[in-house]
Amino acid sequence: MPARVPPPSRPIGSATRGTTNPNRLRRMDRWIAAAHGPALRRAGEAPVAVDLGYGAAPWTAVELLERLRTVRAGARVVGVEIDPGRVLAARPYEREGLTFAHGGFEVPLPGGARPALIRAANVLRQYEEGEVAAVWRRLCARLAPGGLLVEGTCDEIGRRHVWVALDASGPRTVTFAARLGSLERPSDLAERLPKALIHRNVPGEPVHTFLRDFDRAWAAAAPYAPLSARQRWIRSAQTLRAEGWPLTDGPRRWRQGEVTVRWEAVAPRG
């Protein structure tokens, strides 16, 4: 009797709802290009980025390739999906620098390649909070030296978005990003907090304190509203920094409707 060939291991993780829309992740991509662009340019070989859990249509992977190539010619993107039907549906969109693969949190890449970037948007929202840290560790272990994991959540058309950036040492920053005209107050972004933080938006938790202080700064900056929502947002960020919140960015990013704060300032207690 011939030796039995073991079946291939199953991808790690669960299928998402698959909801996606063109241009949904533009704010995250724009930040990645600015924050991680220097590292991508320094990479010796053409860096590989992974769009993990791209969904029922491949738009986000196609757009990620286009945006990364504005900062590093030759960058490559692999869209990874746990649903094999979605991979087959995406194959017609493959081209030079863009491929699709069946897999999950193990992040299968040809030849065991290690990606310079893993972007996981709207993937962990369906998981339990207690599962997030292990997934983060697994994904960060797959990164190339100097690589970045960006994990977060946005609304259906990308107006409101919050993400965590991680490297091999763990979570580093949290970015709050919005189309400013859609906000009544900064805490409107609370509904888009990533899984690691969304249940911590309660009194006594640092992320709740941050959003409370952001709202207060926004209210105090109301005289800037006639100039523009952008000017009001910039003034609010300046107030947060003056109050001691460790913001890692400045006016150039604030003008884009972003504010980035160090992870340890908003990390869950315990």
Protein backbone atom coordinates (compact mmCIF):
# COMPACT_ATOMS: atom_id res chain seq x y z
CA MET A 1 0.00 0.00 0.00
CA PRO A 2 1.46 3.38 -0.93
CA ALA A 3 2.27 5.76 1.87
CA ARG A 4 -0.56 8.08 2.70
CA VAL A 5 0.14 11.70 1.84
CA PRO A 6 -0.92 13.96 4.70
CA PRO A 7 -3.47 16.59 3.74
CA PRO A 8 -2.23 20.16 3.54
CA SER A 9 -2.55 22.11 6.77
CA ARG A 10 -5.60 24.33 7.00
CA PRO A 11 -5.15 28.10 6.95
CA ILE A 12 -5.21 29.68 10.39
CA GLY A 13 -8.16 31.92 11.10
CA SER A 14 -11.77 32.41 10.03
CA ALA A 15 -13.33 33.96 6.95
CA THR A 16 -14.51 37.54 7.29
CA ARG A 17 -17.78 38.89 5.93
CA GLY A 18 -15.83 40.01 2.88
CA THR A 19 -17.36 43.48 2.66
CA THR A 20 -15.12 45.79 0.66
CA ASN A 21 -15.34 48.91 -1.46
CA PRO A 22 -12.92 50.69 -3.77
CA ASN A 23 -10.83 53.32 -2.01
CA ARG A 24 -11.99 52.13 1.41
CA LEU A 25 -8.46 51.92 2.84
CA ARG A 26 -7.06 55.10 1.31
CA ARG A 27 -6.38 56.73 4.70
CA MET A 28 -4.47 53.73 6.01
CA ASP A 29 -2.53 53.40 2.75
CA ARG A 30 -1.64 57.07 2.74
CA TRP A 31 -0.27 56.79 6.27
CA ILE A 32 1.67 53.61 5.43
CA ALA A 33 3.31 55.32 2.46
CA ALA A 34 4.38 58.24 4.66
CA ALA A 35 5.39 56.34 7.80
CA HIS A 36 6.87 53.16 6.28
CA GLY A 37 8.01 54.57 2.94
CA PRO A 38 11.60 55.21 4.09
CA ALA A 39 11.96 51.58 5.24
CA LEU A 40 10.52 50.31 1.95
CA ARG A 41 13.01 52.44 0.02
CA ARG A 42 15.90 51.09 2.10
CA ALA A 43 14.94 47.46 1.47
CA GLY A 44 17.61 45.79 -0.64
CA GLU A 45 15.27 43.63 -2.70
CA ALA A 46 11.83 44.50 -3.99
CA PRO A 47 9.79 44.49 -0.78
CA VAL A 48 6.69 42.34 -0.44
CA ALA A 49 3.52 43.63 1.20
CA VAL A 50 0.60 41.42 2.22
CA ASP A 51 -3.04 42.50 2.09
CA LEU A 52 -4.40 40.01 4.61
CA GLY A 53 -8.10 39.24 4.35
CA TYR A 54 -8.82 41.53 1.39
CA GLY A 55 -12.39 40.28 1.13
CA ALA A 56 -14.84 39.33 -1.58
CA ALA A 57 -13.25 41.65 -4.16
CA PRO A 58 -9.55 42.47 -4.66
CA TRP A 59 -9.82 46.26 -4.83
CA THR A 60 -7.80 46.94 -1.69
CA ALA A 61 -4.87 44.82 -2.88
CA VAL A 62 -4.86 46.49 -6.30
CA GLU A 63 -4.87 49.91 -4.66
CA LEU A 64 -2.17 48.98 -2.15
CA LEU A 65 0.20 48.09 -4.98
CA GLU A 66 -0.45 51.39 -6.74
CA ARG A 67 0.11 53.41 -3.57
CA LEU A 68 3.24 51.58 -2.45
CA ARG A 69 4.81 52.06 -5.85
CA THR A 70 4.61 55.81 -5.35
CA VAL A 71 7.30 55.37 -2.66
CA ARG A 72 9.14 52.25 -3.87
CA ALA A 73 9.27 51.18 -7.48
CA GLY A 74 9.19 47.41 -7.74
CA ALA A 75 7.20 46.87 -4.56
CA ARG A 76 5.07 43.73 -4.71
CA VAL A 77 1.74 42.86 -3.11
CA VAL A 78 0.29 39.46 -2.25
CA GLY A 79 -3.39 39.36 -1.38
CA VAL A 80 -4.03 36.55 1.12
CA GLU A 81 -7.54 35.22 1.71
CA ILE A 82 -8.77 32.29 3.77
CA ASP A 83 -11.75 31.76 1.45
CA PRO A 84 -10.47 29.87 -1.64
CA GLY A 85 -13.39 31.13 -3.72
CA ARG A 86 -12.27 34.70 -3.18
CA VAL A 87 -8.76 33.80 -4.30
CA LEU A 88 -10.07 32.28 -7.53
CA ALA A 89 -12.24 35.34 -8.14
CA ALA A 90 -9.21 37.61 -7.71
CA ARG A 91 -6.86 35.73 -10.05
CA PRO A 92 -7.97 37.65 -13.19
CA TYR A 93 -6.62 40.82 -11.53
CA GLU A 94 -3.11 39.45 -11.15
CA ARG A 95 -0.38 41.30 -12.95
CA GLU A 96 3.29 42.07 -12.55
CA GLY A 97 3.84 42.66 -8.84
CA LEU A 98 0.37 41.51 -7.75
CA THR A 99 -0.61 37.94 -6.88
CA PHE A 100 -3.20 36.24 -4.69
CA ALA A 101 -2.79 33.29 -2.33
CA HIS A 102 -4.96 31.05 -0.17
CA GLY A 103 -4.09 31.33 3.50
CA GLY A 104 -4.63 32.96 6.85
CA PHE A 105 -2.56 34.15 9.78
CA GLU A 106 0.30 31.85 8.79
CA VAL A 107 0.81 34.25 5.82
CA PRO A 108 2.00 31.77 3.19
CA LEU A 109 4.43 33.31 0.72
CA PRO A 110 6.46 31.55 -1.98
CA GLY A 111 9.80 30.28 -0.76
CA GLY A 112 8.99 31.28 2.80
CA ALA A 113 9.54 34.95 1.98
CA ARG A 114 9.01 37.40 4.82
CA PRO A 115 6.94 40.51 4.07
CA ALA A 116 8.07 44.05 4.75
CA LEU A 117 4.44 44.96 5.45
CA ILE A 118 1.29 43.16 6.52
CA ARG A 119 -1.92 45.15 6.37
CA ALA A 120 -4.91 43.56 8.12
CA ALA A 121 -7.94 45.83 7.90
CA ASN A 122 -11.34 44.82 9.28
CA VAL A 123 -10.08 41.29 9.94
CA LEU A 124 -9.84 40.97 13.73
CA ARG A 125 -13.13 42.75 14.45
CA GLN A 126 -14.95 39.40 14.50
CA TYR A 127 -12.50 37.81 16.95
CA GLU A 128 -12.56 37.87 20.75
CA GLU A 129 -10.44 40.51 22.45
CA GLY A 130 -8.43 37.79 24.18
CA GLU A 131 -7.36 36.35 20.83
CA VAL A 132 -5.84 39.55 19.45
CA ALA A 133 -2.45 39.45 21.19
CA ALA A 134 -1.68 35.95 19.91
CA VAL A 135 -2.61 36.92 16.34
CA TRP A 136 -0.43 40.03 16.59
CA ARG A 137 2.52 37.92 17.77
CA ARG A 138 2.03 35.38 14.98
CA LEU A 139 1.86 38.05 12.28
CA CYS A 140 4.80 40.04 13.62
CA ALA A 141 6.88 36.86 13.67
CA ARG A 142 6.36 36.60 9.92
CA LEU A 143 7.72 40.11 9.21
CA ALA A 144 11.07 40.78 7.61
CA PRO A 145 13.57 42.72 9.76
CA GLY A 146 12.27 46.26 10.05
CA GLY A 147 8.83 45.17 8.86
CA LEU A 148 5.51 46.64 9.92
CA LEU A 149 2.09 45.21 10.78
CA VAL A 150 -0.85 47.61 10.45
CA GLU A 151 -4.11 46.31 11.92
CA GLY A 152 -7.30 48.28 12.29
CA THR A 153 -10.92 48.97 11.47
CA CYS A 154 -12.78 51.46 9.28
CA ASP A 155 -16.32 52.20 8.17
CA GLU A 156 -17.72 50.94 4.89
CA ILE A 157 -16.48 53.85 2.77
CA GLY A 158 -13.33 54.71 4.66
CA ARG A 159 -14.35 57.99 6.26
CA ARG A 160 -13.39 56.89 9.78
CA HIS A 161 -10.49 54.63 10.58
CA VAL A 162 -8.38 53.65 13.60
CA TRP A 163 -5.34 51.38 13.36
CA VAL A 164 -2.46 50.02 15.41
CA ALA A 165 1.07 49.84 13.98
CA LEU A 166 3.30 47.04 15.27
CA ASP A 167 6.82 45.81 14.69
CA ALA A 168 8.77 42.84 16.02
CA SER A 169 8.75 44.35 19.51
CA GLY A 170 4.97 44.71 19.60
CA PRO A 171 2.46 47.55 19.24
CA ARG A 172 4.02 50.97 18.75
CA THR A 173 1.33 53.53 17.86
CA VAL A 174 -2.39 54.06 17.35
CA THR A 175 -3.63 56.36 14.57
CA PHE A 176 -7.04 58.03 14.48
CA ALA A 177 -7.99 59.20 10.98
CA ALA A 178 -11.14 60.72 9.55
CA ARG A 179 -12.77 62.75 6.86
CA LEU A 180 -13.09 65.73 9.15
CA GLY A 181 -16.30 66.99 7.63
CA SER A 182 -18.01 63.78 8.78
CA LEU A 183 -17.16 64.27 12.49
CA GLU A 184 -19.25 65.95 15.12
CA ARG A 185 -16.52 65.26 17.68
CA PRO A 186 -13.31 63.12 17.74
CA SER A 187 -14.92 60.47 19.95
CA ASP A 188 -17.13 59.58 16.97
CA LEU A 189 -14.11 57.45 16.01
CA ALA A 190 -14.68 55.22 19.05
CA GLU A 191 -16.97 52.94 17.04
CA ARG A 192 -14.01 52.15 14.76
CA LEU A 193 -11.49 51.30 17.46
CA PRO A 194 -9.67 48.04 16.69
CA LYS A 195 -10.63 44.94 18.65
CA ALA A 196 -7.83 45.39 21.18
CA LEU A 197 -9.33 48.72 22.26
CA ILE A 198 -13.02 48.88 21.40
CA HIS A 199 -14.22 47.24 24.63
CA ARG A 200 -11.86 49.47 26.64
CA ASN A 201 -13.61 52.72 25.82
CA VAL A 202 -15.00 52.96 29.35
CA PRO A 203 -14.15 55.25 32.28
CA GLY A 204 -10.82 54.35 33.86
CA GLU A 205 -9.25 53.06 30.65
CA PRO A 206 -6.57 55.18 28.92
CA VAL A 207 -8.21 55.15 25.49
CA HIS A 208 -11.41 56.54 27.03
CA THR A 209 -9.39 59.29 28.72
CA PHE A 210 -7.66 60.10 25.43
CA LEU A 211 -10.93 60.43 23.53
CA ARG A 212 -12.44 62.48 26.36
CA ASP A 213 -9.48 64.88 26.26
CA PHE A 214 -9.65 64.99 22.46
CA ASP A 215 -13.32 66.00 22.67
CA ARG A 216 -12.50 68.72 25.18
CA ALA A 217 -9.70 70.04 22.97
CA TRP A 218 -12.08 69.96 19.98
CA ALA A 219 -14.69 71.94 21.91
CA ALA A 220 -12.10 74.49 23.00
CA ALA A 221 -11.00 74.86 19.38
CA ALA A 222 -14.51 75.78 18.20
CA PRO A 223 -13.39 79.35 17.30
CA TYR A 224 -11.25 77.78 14.55
CA ALA A 225 -14.24 76.08 12.94
CA PRO A 226 -15.07 79.04 10.66
CA LEU A 227 -11.59 78.68 9.17
CA SER A 228 -12.06 74.96 8.48
CA ALA A 229 -12.50 71.62 10.23
CA ARG A 230 -8.85 70.99 9.39
CA GLN A 231 -7.70 74.04 11.34
CA ARG A 232 -9.88 73.00 14.26
CA TRP A 233 -8.38 69.49 14.19
CA ILE A 234 -4.82 70.87 14.10
CA ARG A 235 -5.53 73.15 17.06
CA SER A 236 -7.04 70.21 18.97
CA ALA A 237 -3.93 68.10 18.33
CA GLN A 238 -1.71 70.94 19.53
CA THR A 239 -3.72 71.06 22.75
CA LEU A 240 -3.40 67.31 23.27
CA ARG A 241 0.37 67.55 22.89
CA ALA A 242 0.54 70.51 25.29
CA GLU A 243 -1.43 68.46 27.83
CA GLY A 244 1.18 65.71 27.70
CA TRP A 245 -0.27 63.18 25.29
CA PRO A 246 2.68 61.61 23.40
CA LEU A 247 1.69 62.32 19.81
CA THR A 248 4.24 61.03 17.31
CA ASP A 249 3.23 63.13 14.31
CA GLY A 250 2.83 66.83 13.57
CA PRO A 251 0.98 69.38 11.46
CA ARG A 252 1.85 67.68 8.16
CA ARG A 253 -0.09 64.58 9.18
CA TRP A 254 -2.72 66.46 11.19
CA ARG A 255 -3.69 68.30 8.00
CA GLN A 256 -4.59 64.89 6.56
CA GLY A 257 -7.11 64.34 9.36
CA GLU A 258 -4.79 62.08 11.35
CA VAL A 259 -3.49 61.98 14.91
CA THR A 260 -1.04 59.28 16.02
CA VAL A 261 -0.33 58.55 19.69
CA ARG A 262 2.08 56.12 21.28
CA TRP A 263 0.51 52.76 22.09
CA GLU A 264 1.56 52.75 25.73
CA ALA A 265 -0.46 55.94 26.33
CA VAL A 266 -3.76 54.26 25.36
CA ALA A 267 -3.01 50.57 25.94
CA PRO A 268 -5.56 48.61 27.99
CA ARG A 269 -4.94 48.45 31.70
CA GLY A 270 -3.77 45.04 32.90
